[in-house]
Protein backbone atom coordinates (compact mmCIF):
# COMPACT_ATOMS: atom_id res chain seq x y z
CA MET A 1 19.88 -2.27 -2.20
CA ASN A 2 20.82 1.40 -2.30
CA THR A 3 22.70 3.16 -5.09
CA ALA A 4 26.36 2.10 -4.88
CA THR A 5 29.74 3.12 -6.24
CA ALA A 6 32.53 0.77 -7.33
CA SER A 7 36.09 1.42 -8.54
CA LEU A 8 38.26 -0.70 -10.82
CA PRO A 9 41.29 -0.16 -13.03
CA ALA A 10 40.45 0.04 -16.72
CA ARG A 11 42.80 -2.91 -17.28
CA ALA A 12 40.74 -5.20 -14.99
CA THR A 13 39.71 -8.45 -16.62
CA LEU A 14 36.52 -8.40 -18.64
CA THR A 15 35.06 -10.93 -16.17
CA ASP A 16 35.70 -8.59 -13.23
CA LEU A 17 34.21 -5.67 -15.14
CA ALA A 18 31.13 -7.68 -16.12
CA ALA A 19 30.69 -9.04 -12.57
CA THR A 20 30.69 -5.53 -11.11
CA LEU A 21 28.23 -4.30 -13.72
CA VAL A 22 25.91 -7.21 -12.87
CA ALA A 23 26.20 -6.59 -9.12
CA LEU A 24 25.32 -2.91 -9.50
CA ALA A 25 22.51 -3.59 -11.96
CA ASN A 26 20.87 -6.09 -9.59
CA GLY A 27 20.86 -3.46 -6.87
CA ARG A 28 19.58 0.08 -7.16
CA GLY A 29 22.05 0.98 -9.84
CA GLY A 30 25.15 3.05 -9.22
CA THR A 31 28.41 4.21 -10.74
CA LEU A 32 31.48 2.25 -11.79
CA LEU A 33 34.62 4.43 -11.84
CA LEU A 34 37.45 3.16 -14.01
CA SER A 35 40.95 4.60 -13.49
CA LEU A 36 42.57 4.93 -16.90
CA ASP A 37 46.27 4.85 -16.04
CA ASP A 38 47.87 4.23 -19.48
CA VAL A 39 44.60 3.17 -21.17
CA SER A 40 42.96 5.62 -23.55
CA VAL A 41 39.38 6.77 -22.99
CA ASP A 42 38.18 5.08 -26.18
CA ASP A 43 39.82 1.76 -25.27
CA ALA A 44 38.33 1.87 -21.77
CA ILE A 45 34.87 2.53 -23.18
CA ASP A 46 35.30 -0.38 -25.61
CA ARG A 47 36.18 -2.68 -22.70
CA VAL A 48 33.06 -1.61 -20.79
CA LEU A 49 30.85 -2.29 -23.82
CA GLU A 50 32.51 -5.67 -24.37
CA ALA A 51 31.95 -6.58 -20.71
CA SER A 52 28.28 -5.54 -20.90
CA LEU A 53 27.78 -7.98 -23.79
CA MET A 54 28.88 -10.83 -21.50
CA VAL A 55 25.91 -10.13 -19.21
CA ILE A 56 22.68 -12.14 -19.60
CA PRO A 57 20.47 -10.46 -20.69
CA THR A 58 22.64 -7.85 -22.39
CA LEU A 59 23.06 -4.80 -20.20
CA ASN A 60 22.40 -1.65 -22.21
CA LEU A 61 24.19 1.28 -20.58
CA PRO A 62 24.53 5.00 -21.22
CA LYS A 63 27.83 5.91 -22.87
CA PRO A 64 30.59 6.17 -20.23
CA ARG A 65 31.85 9.71 -19.67
CA PRO A 66 35.30 11.05 -18.69
CA VAL A 67 35.56 12.56 -15.19
CA ALA A 68 38.33 14.26 -13.23
CA GLY A 69 41.44 12.33 -12.23
CA ARG A 70 41.95 10.32 -15.40
CA GLN A 71 38.80 8.31 -14.86
CA ILE A 72 35.66 7.40 -16.74
CA ALA A 73 32.30 6.97 -15.04
CA VAL A 74 29.93 4.18 -16.07
CA THR A 75 26.37 4.86 -14.91
CA ILE A 76 24.08 1.90 -14.16
CA PRO A 77 20.47 3.17 -14.06
CA PRO A 78 18.43 2.58 -10.88
CA ASP A 79 15.20 1.58 -12.62
CA LEU A 80 16.19 -1.56 -14.55
CA SER A 81 13.38 -4.07 -15.05
CA LYS A 82 15.49 -7.20 -15.57
CA VAL A 83 17.60 -9.45 -13.33
CA PHE A 84 21.14 -9.94 -14.65
CA ALA A 85 23.59 -12.84 -14.49
CA LEU A 86 27.18 -13.62 -15.51
CA ASP A 87 27.98 -17.23 -16.40
CA GLY A 88 24.89 -18.33 -14.46
CA ARG A 89 25.85 -16.35 -11.35
CA TYR A 90 23.57 -13.68 -9.85
CA LEU A 91 25.54 -11.05 -7.96
CA LEU A 92 24.83 -8.04 -5.76
CA ARG A 93 27.13 -5.20 -4.71
CA GLU A 94 27.66 -5.02 -0.96
CA GLY A 95 30.29 -2.61 0.30
CA ASN A 96 33.39 -3.17 -1.83
CA LEU A 97 32.47 -6.71 -2.85
CA ASN A 98 30.31 -8.48 -5.40
CA ARG A 99 28.58 -11.24 -3.48
CA PRO A 100 26.29 -14.05 -4.68
CA ILE A 101 22.57 -13.46 -4.23
CA SER A 102 20.90 -16.02 -1.99
CA PRO A 103 18.00 -18.05 -3.45
CA ARG A 104 15.49 -16.15 -1.31
CA GLU A 105 16.94 -12.78 -2.37
CA LEU A 106 16.92 -13.86 -6.00
CA ARG A 107 13.28 -14.89 -5.86
CA ARG A 108 12.37 -11.57 -4.25
CA LEU A 109 14.32 -9.68 -6.92
CA LEU A 110 12.66 -11.66 -9.72
CA ILE A 111 9.24 -10.83 -8.29
CA GLU A 112 10.08 -7.16 -7.77
CA ARG A 113 11.23 -6.80 -11.36
CA GLY A 114 8.31 -8.68 -12.82
CA GLU A 115 10.33 -11.63 -14.11
CA VAL A 116 8.38 -14.03 -11.89
CA SER A 117 4.76 -13.47 -10.89
CA TYR A 118 3.96 -14.64 -7.37
CA GLU A 119 0.23 -14.17 -7.95
CA GLU A 120 0.28 -16.72 -10.79
CA GLU A 121 1.75 -19.50 -8.65
CA PRO A 122 -0.62 -22.25 -7.45
CA THR A 123 -1.48 -21.93 -3.77
CA ARG A 124 -0.06 -24.83 -1.85
CA ASP A 125 -2.65 -27.23 -0.36
CA ALA A 126 -5.56 -25.18 -1.79
CA ASN A 127 -8.32 -26.55 -4.02
CA VAL A 128 -11.43 -25.20 -5.73
CA ASP A 129 -13.50 -25.84 -2.60
CA ASP A 130 -11.49 -23.11 -0.87
CA LEU A 131 -13.04 -20.53 -3.19
CA ASP A 132 -16.30 -18.63 -2.65
CA TRP A 133 -18.21 -19.77 -5.72
CA ALA A 134 -21.21 -17.58 -4.93
CA ALA A 135 -18.96 -14.53 -5.17
CA ILE A 136 -17.38 -15.97 -8.34
CA ASP A 137 -20.80 -16.50 -9.95
CA GLN A 138 -21.73 -12.91 -9.11
CA TYR A 139 -18.47 -11.63 -10.60
CA ALA A 140 -18.90 -13.74 -13.75
CA ALA A 141 -22.48 -12.57 -14.26
CA LYS A 142 -21.33 -8.97 -14.07
CA ILE A 143 -18.40 -8.97 -16.48
CA SER A 144 -18.41 -12.04 -18.71
CA THR A 145 -19.73 -11.42 -22.23
CA ARG A 146 -18.60 -14.77 -23.59
CA ARG A 147 -20.25 -18.13 -23.40
CA GLU A 148 -17.83 -19.45 -20.81
CA SER A 149 -18.23 -20.99 -17.40
CA PRO A 150 -17.16 -19.14 -14.24
CA ARG A 151 -14.32 -21.66 -13.98
CA ASP A 152 -13.06 -20.83 -17.46
CA LEU A 153 -13.32 -17.11 -16.67
CA LEU A 154 -11.10 -17.61 -13.60
CA VAL A 155 -8.58 -19.48 -15.77
CA ARG A 156 -8.58 -16.61 -18.24
CA ARG A 157 -8.11 -14.10 -15.42
CA GLY A 158 -5.20 -16.04 -13.89
CA CYS A 159 -7.07 -17.13 -10.77
CA LEU A 160 -7.12 -20.87 -11.61
CA VAL A 161 -4.54 -23.10 -13.28
CA LYS A 162 -4.77 -26.69 -14.42
CA SER A 163 -2.55 -29.14 -12.57
CA GLY A 164 -2.77 -32.59 -14.12
CA THR A 165 -6.46 -33.41 -14.37
CA ARG A 166 -7.69 -30.85 -11.82
CA TYR A 167 -7.85 -27.11 -11.40
CA VAL A 168 -6.18 -25.37 -8.46
CA PRO A 169 -6.38 -21.75 -7.29
CA THR A 170 -3.47 -19.41 -7.82
CA HIS A 171 -2.43 -16.92 -5.14
CA ALA A 172 -4.47 -14.32 -7.05
CA GLY A 173 -7.53 -16.59 -6.96
CA ILE A 174 -7.22 -17.20 -3.21
CA LEU A 175 -6.68 -13.49 -2.51
CA LEU A 176 -9.64 -12.37 -4.61
CA PHE A 177 -12.16 -15.14 -4.03
CA GLY A 178 -10.89 -17.29 -1.15
CA ASN A 179 -13.21 -18.26 1.70
CA ASP A 180 -10.29 -17.79 4.11
CA PRO A 181 -7.27 -16.32 2.27
CA GLN A 182 -5.28 -15.84 5.49
CA ARG A 183 -5.25 -19.60 6.02
CA PHE A 184 -2.85 -19.82 3.08
CA LEU A 185 -1.31 -16.32 2.95
CA ARG A 186 -1.00 -15.17 6.56
CA GLY A 187 0.31 -11.69 5.83
CA ALA A 188 -2.48 -10.83 3.39
CA ARG A 189 -4.38 -8.51 5.70
CA ILE A 190 -4.61 -4.87 6.78
CA THR A 191 -3.74 -3.67 10.27
CA ALA A 192 -5.76 -0.48 10.77
CA VAL A 193 -4.98 1.70 13.79
CA ARG A 194 -6.00 5.15 14.90
CA PHE A 195 -3.69 6.76 17.45
CA ALA A 196 -4.66 9.65 19.71
CA GLY A 197 -1.64 11.87 18.97
CA VAL A 198 1.08 12.37 16.38
CA THR A 199 3.14 9.34 17.45
CA MET A 200 2.44 5.71 18.22
CA SER A 201 1.25 5.30 21.80
CA ASP A 202 -0.65 2.97 24.11
CA THR A 203 -3.89 4.81 23.34
CA PHE A 204 -5.33 3.58 20.07
CA THR A 205 -8.23 1.97 18.29
CA ARG A 206 -7.24 -1.08 16.25
CA GLN A 207 -8.91 -3.35 13.72
CA ASP A 208 -7.30 -6.35 12.00
CA ILE A 209 -8.89 -6.62 8.57
CA GLY A 210 -8.84 -9.97 6.79
CA GLY A 211 -10.93 -11.78 4.22
CA SER A 212 -10.77 -11.48 0.45
CA LEU A 213 -9.25 -8.39 -1.12
CA PRO A 214 -12.63 -6.86 -2.10
CA ALA A 215 -13.84 -7.40 1.49
CA GLN A 216 -10.66 -5.83 2.89
CA ILE A 217 -11.10 -2.72 0.76
CA ARG A 218 -14.70 -2.30 1.92
CA ARG A 219 -13.86 -2.85 5.59
CA ALA A 220 -10.87 -0.49 5.42
CA GLU A 221 -13.10 2.18 3.89
CA THR A 222 -15.58 1.68 6.74
CA PHE A 223 -12.72 2.07 9.24
CA LEU A 224 -11.73 5.34 7.59
CA LEU A 225 -15.28 6.67 7.66
CA ASP A 226 -15.60 5.66 11.29
CA GLN A 227 -12.26 7.04 12.50
CA LEU A 228 -11.34 10.09 10.43
CA ARG A 229 -12.11 13.36 12.15
CA ARG A 230 -14.69 15.75 10.83
CA ASN A 231 -15.38 19.40 11.34
CA VAL A 232 -19.05 19.06 12.24
CA ARG A 233 -21.58 21.87 12.46
CA LEU A 234 -25.12 21.22 13.65
CA GLY A 235 -27.96 23.62 12.89
CA ALA A 236 -30.89 24.32 15.18
CA THR A 237 -32.73 21.38 13.62
CA MET A 238 -29.66 19.13 13.96
CA GLU A 239 -28.91 19.38 10.24
CA ARG A 240 -25.31 18.25 9.76
CA ASP A 241 -22.62 20.10 7.81
CA GLU A 242 -19.31 18.26 7.97
CA GLN A 243 -15.94 18.22 6.26
CA ILE A 244 -13.66 15.22 6.63
CA GLU A 245 -9.97 15.86 7.35
CA TYR A 246 -8.82 14.14 4.12
CA PRO A 247 -10.61 13.71 0.79
CA MET A 248 -12.16 10.25 1.12
CA GLU A 249 -11.36 9.56 -2.52
CA ALA A 250 -7.65 10.08 -1.85
CA ALA A 251 -7.62 7.98 1.33
CA ARG A 252 -9.54 5.22 -0.40
CA GLU A 253 -7.17 5.34 -3.39
CA LEU A 254 -4.23 4.70 -1.06
CA ILE A 255 -5.94 1.60 0.32
CA VAL A 256 -6.83 0.26 -3.12
CA ASN A 257 -3.29 0.88 -4.39
CA ALA A 258 -1.74 -0.89 -1.41
CA VAL A 259 -4.03 -3.91 -1.76
CA SER A 260 -3.48 -4.06 -5.53
CA HIS A 261 0.27 -3.58 -5.72
CA ARG A 262 1.82 -4.90 -2.51
CA ASP A 263 4.24 -7.82 -2.59
CA TYR A 264 2.19 -10.78 -1.35
CA SER A 265 5.24 -13.01 -1.25
CA VAL A 266 6.26 -11.08 1.89
CA GLN A 267 4.51 -13.11 4.58
CA GLY A 268 5.90 -11.45 7.71
CA ASP A 269 4.07 -8.12 7.49
CA ASP A 270 0.62 -6.71 6.79
CA ILE A 271 -0.48 -3.55 5.04
CA ARG A 272 -0.49 -0.93 7.79
CA LEU A 273 -3.13 1.81 7.82
CA PHE A 274 -2.14 4.22 10.60
CA ILE A 275 -4.14 7.36 11.39
CA PHE A 276 -2.40 9.97 13.53
CA ALA A 277 -3.63 13.38 14.65
CA ASP A 278 -1.74 15.10 11.83
CA ARG A 279 -1.40 12.48 9.08
CA LEU A 280 -2.58 9.23 7.54
CA GLU A 281 0.00 6.60 6.57
CA VAL A 282 -0.44 3.51 4.39
CA THR A 283 2.59 1.22 4.34
CA SER A 284 2.66 -1.86 2.12
CA PRO A 285 5.23 -4.69 2.07
CA GLY A 286 7.55 -4.75 -0.92
CA LYS A 287 9.46 -1.99 -2.63
CA LEU A 288 8.29 -0.27 -5.78
CA ALA A 289 8.08 -2.81 -8.58
CA GLY A 290 9.61 -2.92 -12.03
CA GLN A 291 10.90 0.35 -13.43
CA VAL A 292 8.86 2.52 -11.03
CA THR A 293 10.92 4.76 -8.74
CA LEU A 294 10.11 7.60 -6.37
CA ASP A 295 11.24 10.01 -9.09
CA ASN A 296 8.91 8.70 -11.81
CA ILE A 297 6.03 7.33 -9.71
CA VAL A 298 3.54 9.87 -11.06
CA ASP A 299 4.13 8.98 -14.72
CA GLU A 300 5.50 5.44 -14.82
CA ARG A 301 3.27 2.36 -14.79
CA PHE A 302 4.08 -1.19 -13.69
CA SER A 303 1.82 -3.74 -12.04
CA ARG A 304 3.32 -6.39 -9.79
CA ASN A 305 -0.06 -8.16 -9.63
CA PRO A 306 -1.77 -7.73 -13.02
CA ALA A 307 -4.38 -10.43 -12.36
CA VAL A 308 -5.39 -8.82 -9.05
CA VAL A 309 -5.50 -5.40 -10.71
CA GLN A 310 -7.62 -6.69 -13.59
CA VAL A 311 -10.22 -8.36 -11.36
CA LEU A 312 -10.44 -5.40 -8.97
CA SER A 313 -10.84 -3.19 -12.03
CA ASP A 314 -13.64 -5.46 -13.28
CA MET A 315 -15.31 -5.01 -9.90
CA GLY A 316 -15.10 -1.23 -10.14
CA PHE A 317 -12.48 -0.65 -7.43
CA ILE A 318 -9.76 0.82 -9.61
CA GLU A 319 -9.01 2.16 -13.05
CA ARG A 320 -6.96 -0.34 -15.04
CA LEU A 321 -4.58 2.23 -16.50
CA GLY A 322 -2.57 3.31 -13.50
CA TYR A 323 -1.78 3.68 -9.85
CA GLY A 324 -3.89 6.77 -9.22
CA VAL A 325 -0.93 8.63 -7.68
CA ASP A 326 -1.58 11.68 -9.85
CA ARG A 327 -5.23 11.58 -8.79
CA ILE A 328 -4.26 11.54 -5.10
CA ILE A 329 -1.99 14.54 -5.62
CA SER A 330 -4.75 16.44 -7.44
CA LEU A 331 -7.35 15.65 -4.78
CA MET A 332 -5.12 16.90 -1.98
CA ALA A 333 -4.35 20.10 -3.88
CA ALA A 334 -8.04 20.67 -4.64
CA HIS A 335 -8.76 20.56 -0.89
CA ASP A 336 -5.90 22.97 -0.09
CA LEU A 337 -4.00 20.27 1.78
CA PRO A 338 -0.24 19.54 1.70
CA ALA A 339 1.07 17.36 -1.10
CA PRO A 340 1.24 13.64 -0.27
CA GLU A 341 4.61 12.14 0.57
CA PHE A 342 5.91 8.89 -0.91
CA THR A 343 8.87 7.05 0.62
CA GLU A 344 10.54 3.66 0.43
CA THR A 345 11.16 2.00 3.78
CA ALA A 346 13.62 -0.80 4.52
CA GLY A 347 11.15 -3.40 3.31
CA GLY A 348 8.25 -1.58 1.74
CA PHE A 349 6.58 1.54 0.42
CA ARG A 350 4.75 4.24 2.38
CA ALA A 351 2.30 6.89 1.25
CA THR A 352 1.40 9.70 3.66
CA LEU A 353 -1.41 12.25 3.59
CA PHE A 354 -1.18 15.32 5.84
CA ASN A 355 -4.20 17.15 7.16
CA SER A 356 -4.53 20.91 7.59
CA GLY A 357 -3.25 20.80 11.17
CA ALA A 358 -6.58 22.04 12.51
CA ASN A 359 -6.91 18.93 14.68
CA VAL A 360 -3.49 19.28 16.28
CA PRO A 361 -3.04 19.46 19.21
CA GLU A 362 -6.62 19.90 20.41
CA THR A 363 -7.58 16.51 18.94
CA SER A 364 -11.24 17.26 18.21
CA LEU A 365 -14.32 19.26 19.02
CA THR A 366 -14.76 17.47 22.29
CA THR A 367 -12.04 17.27 24.91
CA ALA A 368 -8.64 18.73 25.69
CA ASP A 369 -7.34 15.30 26.74
CA PRO A 370 -5.17 14.04 23.82
CA ASN A 371 -5.48 10.46 25.11
CA VAL A 372 -9.25 10.30 24.57
CA ILE A 373 -10.19 8.84 21.20
CA LEU A 374 -13.76 9.49 20.06
CA THR A 375 -15.72 8.42 17.01
CA PRO A 376 -17.21 11.09 14.74
CA ARG A 377 -20.64 10.18 16.15
CA GLN A 378 -19.42 10.78 19.71
CA GLU A 379 -17.89 14.10 18.68
CA ALA A 380 -21.18 15.13 17.10
CA ALA A 381 -23.10 14.15 20.25
CA LEU A 382 -20.84 16.23 22.50
CA GLU A 383 -20.91 19.23 20.21
CA PHE A 384 -24.71 19.05 20.10
CA LEU A 385 -24.88 19.09 23.91
CA ARG A 386 -22.53 22.07 24.10
CA ARG A 387 -24.88 24.18 22.01
CA ASP A 388 -27.15 26.55 23.88
CA GLY A 389 -30.56 25.05 24.48
CA ASN A 390 -29.47 21.41 24.09
CA ALA A 391 -29.35 20.04 27.62
CA ARG A 392 -29.90 16.40 26.74
CA ILE A 393 -29.50 13.89 23.91
CA THR A 394 -31.19 10.55 23.29
CA ASN A 395 -30.38 7.50 21.21
CA GLY A 396 -32.99 8.68 18.75
CA ASP A 397 -31.43 12.13 18.44
CA LEU A 398 -28.06 10.66 17.51
CA GLN A 399 -29.73 8.15 15.19
CA GLU A 400 -31.32 11.04 13.28
CA MET A 401 -27.88 12.57 12.78
CA PHE A 402 -26.46 9.24 11.54
CA PRO A 403 -29.40 7.44 9.87
CA ASN A 404 -27.15 4.91 8.14
CA VAL A 405 -25.53 3.69 11.36
CA HIS A 406 -27.00 0.69 13.18
CA SER A 407 -28.93 1.51 16.36
CA GLU A 408 -26.73 -0.83 18.41
CA THR A 409 -23.66 1.11 17.30
CA ILE A 410 -25.37 4.34 18.41
CA ARG A 411 -26.14 2.79 21.80
CA ARG A 412 -22.52 1.66 22.25
CA ASP A 413 -21.22 5.13 21.31
CA LEU A 414 -23.29 6.80 24.03
CA ALA A 415 -22.51 4.10 26.59
CA ASP A 416 -18.80 4.55 25.84
CA LEU A 417 -19.09 8.31 26.48
CA VAL A 418 -20.55 7.47 29.88
CA SER A 419 -17.68 5.07 30.64
CA LYS A 420 -15.19 7.78 29.65
CA GLY A 421 -16.80 10.14 32.12
CA LEU A 422 -17.96 12.60 29.48
CA LEU A 423 -21.71 11.95 29.76
CA LEU A 424 -24.13 10.99 32.50
CA LYS A 425 -27.08 8.73 31.81
CA ARG A 426 -30.48 9.60 33.22
CA GLY A 427 -33.66 7.54 33.17
CA GLU A 428 -34.25 3.94 32.15
CA LYS A 429 -35.03 2.08 28.93
CA ARG A 430 -37.15 4.11 26.48
CA GLY A 431 -37.15 7.17 28.72
CA SER A 432 -33.36 7.34 29.09
CA PHE A 433 -31.29 10.32 27.95
CA TYR A 434 -27.77 11.68 28.35
CA ILE A 435 -26.38 14.95 29.69
CA LEU A 436 -22.87 16.43 29.85
CA ASN A 437 -20.82 15.48 32.89
CA LYS A 438 -19.65 18.96 33.85
């Protein structure tokens, strides 16, 4: 639905004029050029206004303006927040024709423009037993100041609706509190991948992140902490001084925004979190919603999923007032990094952060092979061993550097360095240690 241009004679029937206005308005806007011939400018403008009044709801347009060649131009804005019809028909401009919108396209358009809320719909075949009531009780205890049950709180938040004599979860309820949301909404997950270079390749680390939305945010943040590169310096006493390649607040904000504002009615695609050597991309299904465009994304506000946003805000994940795009821009600037890039894809929205380029093409502190992917802990271990006087490293040494990481994870990191041919293991059990494979 890109910006389009249509041409008609000013003497076209009011129905044809109105149909073309509707078709352009239901797309990404555009321009209708009317050739005047023997019609005056004022009469042509009157016909356009009369045609716009035939549209349901009324289509308010900027005043048409004369252009070269005895024409007037009628501008249809690209950021309209309504879906328009003529005599019950919903139309879309395609090439030189106004074609009917299919039921599936119409539903998607209604959701995109906020006329229909997918998150408020009851989840088919789901019941209250499909919700994690322990998590709900914890949520209710944290935020509810009224004398209401957790069930009534979920109704107020749009996570439960009454159907006959029983309550059923909405899509928002399943996404936020479901025991297994992907059983009902298969595309409601994050595919997180770290590639070795600047393009997609066969060398990558991948994690498919499911569960409830709060769980997905936490697991995605863990993936970022585990996979983003760091400039690590180790002192003589192994004191760590590190700087991550992106501000974690900005990277986390992208994840929270994607989870909060994606179009969950799109079932054929996940949120994609891709980390390359030079950039981080977060792509979410569904185009920008409502009146938000790439031009006004910093200032304009519209929430496709207000119930999801409200609950995640209650939980402390996001600020209720906006998308955080301006915050991401400020964070990147504060760290002397390039401005983020926002683009609309064929079926979604992508936000990209660029690093300083310091990791390209040498990949890390560790190896010149661009196809070797190492965790920050492995990079720290190799850098430690390359320092003068450090001939060996033990599990305990690496555990001291990363005290919050489980000991089994430390063991796997060192074992993986051995399997990659970067370290050699010496000794057995408690007396084992590792040296560089030179």
